Amino acid sequence: MRRASPPCWPLRWPELARRAEPAITQGVSSDTPPTGASTTIYVDADACPVKDEAVRVAERHGLDIHFVSNAFMRLPEGPLIHRVVVAEGPDAADDWIAERIEARDIAVTADIPLAARCLKKGAAVIGPTGKPFTEAGIGMALAMRELSQHLRETGESKGYNASFTKQDRSRFLEALELAVRRARG
């Protein structure tokens, strides 16, 4: 079954996102956080390589999952899967997640400052490679990020990232499963 085009078509999704106040969402209101005592998974989705894996875990446990990005992206359809397109701007997706996440929730992000904000609210935070961010290690991660940024700016480092591997994907699945079990008690 084919969906009808939005009434403002042929506008591109980034243009629609810029016009949104404050976000275009599918499945939830952008102004209010999800209700209930259930765990929710928030994914910083712009460059996330583990979207499909996060959906599998969320569906297996019956959890809402929000993919937050600055542009439209294809996602599987489902009642628990929510697409949130925020207006363009620095940290708009991060701000949306940080404003809504709660202690029982889980964030999936490679963004260290966002991880720190989520940890302050008591949420569990996992990187796409399966590495959990912790209160004990977030200060060092922020310091290393600053040092790496300084070295790149001065030309001392090229800033290459390791490629994403099957082992990273497997480690992520294990870490997210563990985080869900811990969050649910």
Protein backbone atom coordinates (compact mmCIF):
# COMPACT_ATOMS: atom_id res chain seq x y z
CA MET A 1 0.00 0.00 0.00
CA ARG A 2 1.43 3.33 -1.02
CA ARG A 3 1.29 6.34 1.28
CA ALA A 4 -0.11 9.65 0.15
CA SER A 5 2.40 12.44 -0.24
CA PRO A 6 2.39 15.17 2.38
CA PRO A 7 0.32 18.20 1.32
CA CYS A 8 3.43 20.39 1.00
CA TRP A 9 5.20 18.00 -1.34
CA PRO A 10 7.67 18.34 -3.18
CA LEU A 11 9.46 20.12 -0.32
CA ARG A 12 12.47 18.20 0.91
CA TRP A 13 12.47 16.82 4.46
CA PRO A 14 15.31 19.08 5.68
CA GLU A 15 13.22 22.09 4.59
CA LEU A 16 10.20 20.67 6.41
CA ALA A 17 12.36 20.14 9.49
CA ARG A 18 13.46 23.79 9.44
CA ARG A 19 9.82 24.86 9.41
CA ALA A 20 8.89 22.56 12.30
CA GLU A 21 8.33 23.96 15.76
CA PRO A 22 10.24 22.38 17.48
CA ALA A 23 10.29 18.98 15.71
CA ILE A 24 8.49 16.81 13.20
CA THR A 25 7.65 13.52 14.84
CA GLN A 26 6.03 10.32 13.80
CA GLY A 27 4.12 8.57 16.53
CA VAL A 28 4.60 10.99 19.44
CA SER A 29 4.11 14.63 20.31
CA SER A 30 7.35 16.59 20.24
CA ASP A 31 6.31 18.74 23.19
CA THR A 32 5.79 16.09 25.83
CA PRO A 33 7.99 13.21 26.91
CA PRO A 34 6.66 9.68 26.64
CA THR A 35 4.51 8.72 29.61
CA GLY A 36 4.46 5.60 31.72
CA ALA A 37 7.01 3.78 33.81
CA SER A 38 8.52 1.90 30.88
CA THR A 39 12.09 2.15 29.66
CA THR A 40 12.51 4.14 26.44
CA ILE A 41 15.46 3.96 24.06
CA TYR A 42 16.68 7.20 22.46
CA VAL A 43 19.01 6.95 19.46
CA ASP A 44 21.15 9.86 18.27
CA ALA A 45 20.51 8.68 14.73
CA ASP A 46 22.34 10.99 12.32
CA ALA A 47 25.40 8.76 11.93
CA CYS A 48 24.34 5.69 13.91
CA PRO A 49 25.41 2.39 12.29
CA VAL A 50 23.30 0.19 14.60
CA LYS A 51 19.73 1.37 13.93
CA ASP A 52 18.48 -2.06 12.86
CA GLU A 53 20.02 -3.74 15.90
CA ALA A 54 18.46 -1.18 18.25
CA VAL A 55 15.05 -1.78 16.66
CA ARG A 56 15.39 -5.56 17.10
CA VAL A 57 16.16 -5.20 20.82
CA ALA A 58 13.38 -2.64 21.36
CA GLU A 59 10.80 -4.83 19.61
CA ARG A 60 11.94 -7.94 21.48
CA HIS A 61 11.35 -6.19 24.81
CA GLY A 62 8.30 -4.14 23.74
CA LEU A 63 10.04 -0.78 24.28
CA ASP A 64 9.46 2.55 22.58
CA ILE A 65 12.45 3.69 20.55
CA HIS A 66 12.99 7.24 19.28
CA PHE A 67 15.36 7.93 16.39
CA VAL A 68 16.30 11.60 16.57
CA SER A 69 18.04 13.28 13.62
CA ASN A 70 18.39 16.51 11.67
CA ALA A 71 17.04 14.94 8.47
CA PHE A 72 14.49 12.39 7.34
CA MET A 73 15.70 8.79 7.34
CA ARG A 74 14.16 5.49 6.38
CA LEU A 75 13.21 3.34 9.34
CA PRO A 76 11.16 0.19 9.73
CA GLU A 77 7.48 0.77 10.44
CA GLY A 78 6.03 -0.20 13.79
CA PRO A 79 3.99 1.10 16.70
CA LEU A 80 7.07 1.30 18.96
CA ILE A 81 9.33 3.04 16.43
CA HIS A 82 9.26 6.84 16.47
CA ARG A 83 11.07 9.08 13.99
CA VAL A 84 11.88 12.59 15.24
CA VAL A 85 13.28 15.15 12.80
CA VAL A 86 14.50 18.23 14.63
CA ALA A 87 15.21 21.63 13.13
CA GLU A 88 18.71 22.08 11.76
CA GLY A 89 21.25 23.54 14.09
CA PRO A 90 24.12 22.52 16.30
CA ASP A 91 23.09 20.06 18.98
CA ALA A 92 19.35 20.22 18.16
CA ALA A 93 19.04 16.42 18.23
CA ASP A 94 21.15 16.25 21.39
CA ASP A 95 18.98 18.85 23.10
CA TRP A 96 15.78 16.99 22.16
CA ILE A 97 17.11 13.76 23.67
CA ALA A 98 18.59 15.39 26.79
CA GLU A 99 15.34 17.23 27.55
CA ARG A 100 13.27 14.03 27.48
CA ILE A 101 15.48 11.23 28.77
CA GLU A 102 14.87 9.97 32.28
CA ALA A 103 16.64 7.73 34.79
CA ARG A 104 15.11 4.47 33.53
CA ASP A 105 15.90 5.21 29.87
CA ILE A 106 18.76 4.26 27.54
CA ALA A 107 20.62 6.51 25.09
CA VAL A 108 22.57 5.25 22.08
CA THR A 109 25.12 7.83 20.97
CA ALA A 110 28.76 8.35 20.04
CA ASP A 111 28.47 11.99 21.12
CA ILE A 112 30.42 12.34 24.38
CA PRO A 113 28.82 15.62 25.56
CA LEU A 114 25.34 14.13 24.99
CA ALA A 115 26.42 11.01 26.88
CA ALA A 116 27.48 13.21 29.82
CA ARG A 117 24.12 15.01 29.83
CA CYS A 118 22.20 11.72 29.79
CA LEU A 119 24.34 10.23 32.56
CA LYS A 120 23.61 13.29 34.73
CA LYS A 121 19.91 12.41 34.45
CA GLY A 122 20.61 8.84 35.54
CA ALA A 123 20.10 7.18 32.15
CA ALA A 124 22.22 4.35 30.76
CA VAL A 125 24.33 5.36 27.75
CA ILE A 126 25.88 3.05 25.15
CA GLY A 127 28.07 3.90 22.18
CA PRO A 128 27.42 2.26 18.80
CA THR A 129 30.43 -0.02 19.33
CA GLY A 130 28.89 -1.37 22.53
CA LYS A 131 31.08 0.62 24.87
CA PRO A 132 29.00 1.84 27.82
CA PHE A 133 29.58 5.36 29.07
CA THR A 134 29.77 5.57 32.87
CA GLU A 135 29.85 8.33 35.49
CA ALA A 136 33.35 7.17 36.45
CA GLY A 137 34.72 7.38 32.90
CA ILE A 138 32.83 10.29 31.33
CA GLY A 139 35.22 12.95 32.66
CA MET A 140 38.19 11.21 31.03
CA ALA A 141 36.22 10.75 27.79
CA LEU A 142 35.41 14.49 27.71
CA ALA A 143 39.07 15.37 28.38
CA MET A 144 40.28 13.02 25.62
CA ARG A 145 37.74 14.52 23.23
CA GLU A 146 39.05 18.02 23.96
CA LEU A 147 42.66 16.88 23.54
CA SER A 148 41.90 15.13 20.23
CA GLN A 149 40.06 18.21 18.97
CA HIS A 150 43.03 20.41 19.90
CA LEU A 151 45.48 18.07 18.15
CA ARG A 152 43.35 18.07 14.99
CA GLU A 153 43.13 21.87 15.02
CA THR A 154 46.91 22.21 15.33
CA GLY A 155 47.56 19.61 12.61
CA GLU A 156 49.19 17.13 14.99
CA SER A 157 46.54 14.49 14.29
CA LYS A 158 44.46 13.63 11.25
CA GLY A 159 41.53 12.36 13.36
CA TYR A 160 41.02 9.02 11.64
CA ASN A 161 38.35 6.78 13.13
CA ALA A 162 38.56 3.01 13.12
CA SER A 163 36.10 1.33 10.76
CA PHE A 164 32.98 -0.26 12.23
CA THR A 165 33.29 -4.06 12.50
CA LYS A 166 31.05 -7.09 12.96
CA GLN A 167 32.52 -7.43 16.45
CA ASP A 168 31.40 -3.85 17.24
CA ARG A 169 27.88 -4.73 16.08
CA SER A 170 27.83 -7.87 18.23
CA ARG A 171 29.24 -6.01 21.25
CA PHE A 172 26.54 -3.35 20.81
CA LEU A 173 23.74 -5.95 20.80
CA GLU A 174 25.10 -7.51 24.01
CA ALA A 175 25.49 -4.13 25.71
CA LEU A 176 21.99 -2.95 24.76
CA GLU A 177 20.43 -6.23 25.94
CA LEU A 178 22.26 -5.88 29.27
CA ALA A 179 21.23 -2.22 29.63
CA VAL A 180 17.57 -3.09 28.96
CA ARG A 181 17.63 -5.89 31.55
CA ARG A 182 19.22 -3.58 34.14
CA ALA A 183 16.80 -0.74 33.43
CA ARG A 184 13.78 -2.99 33.79
CA GLY A 185 14.99 -4.32 37.14
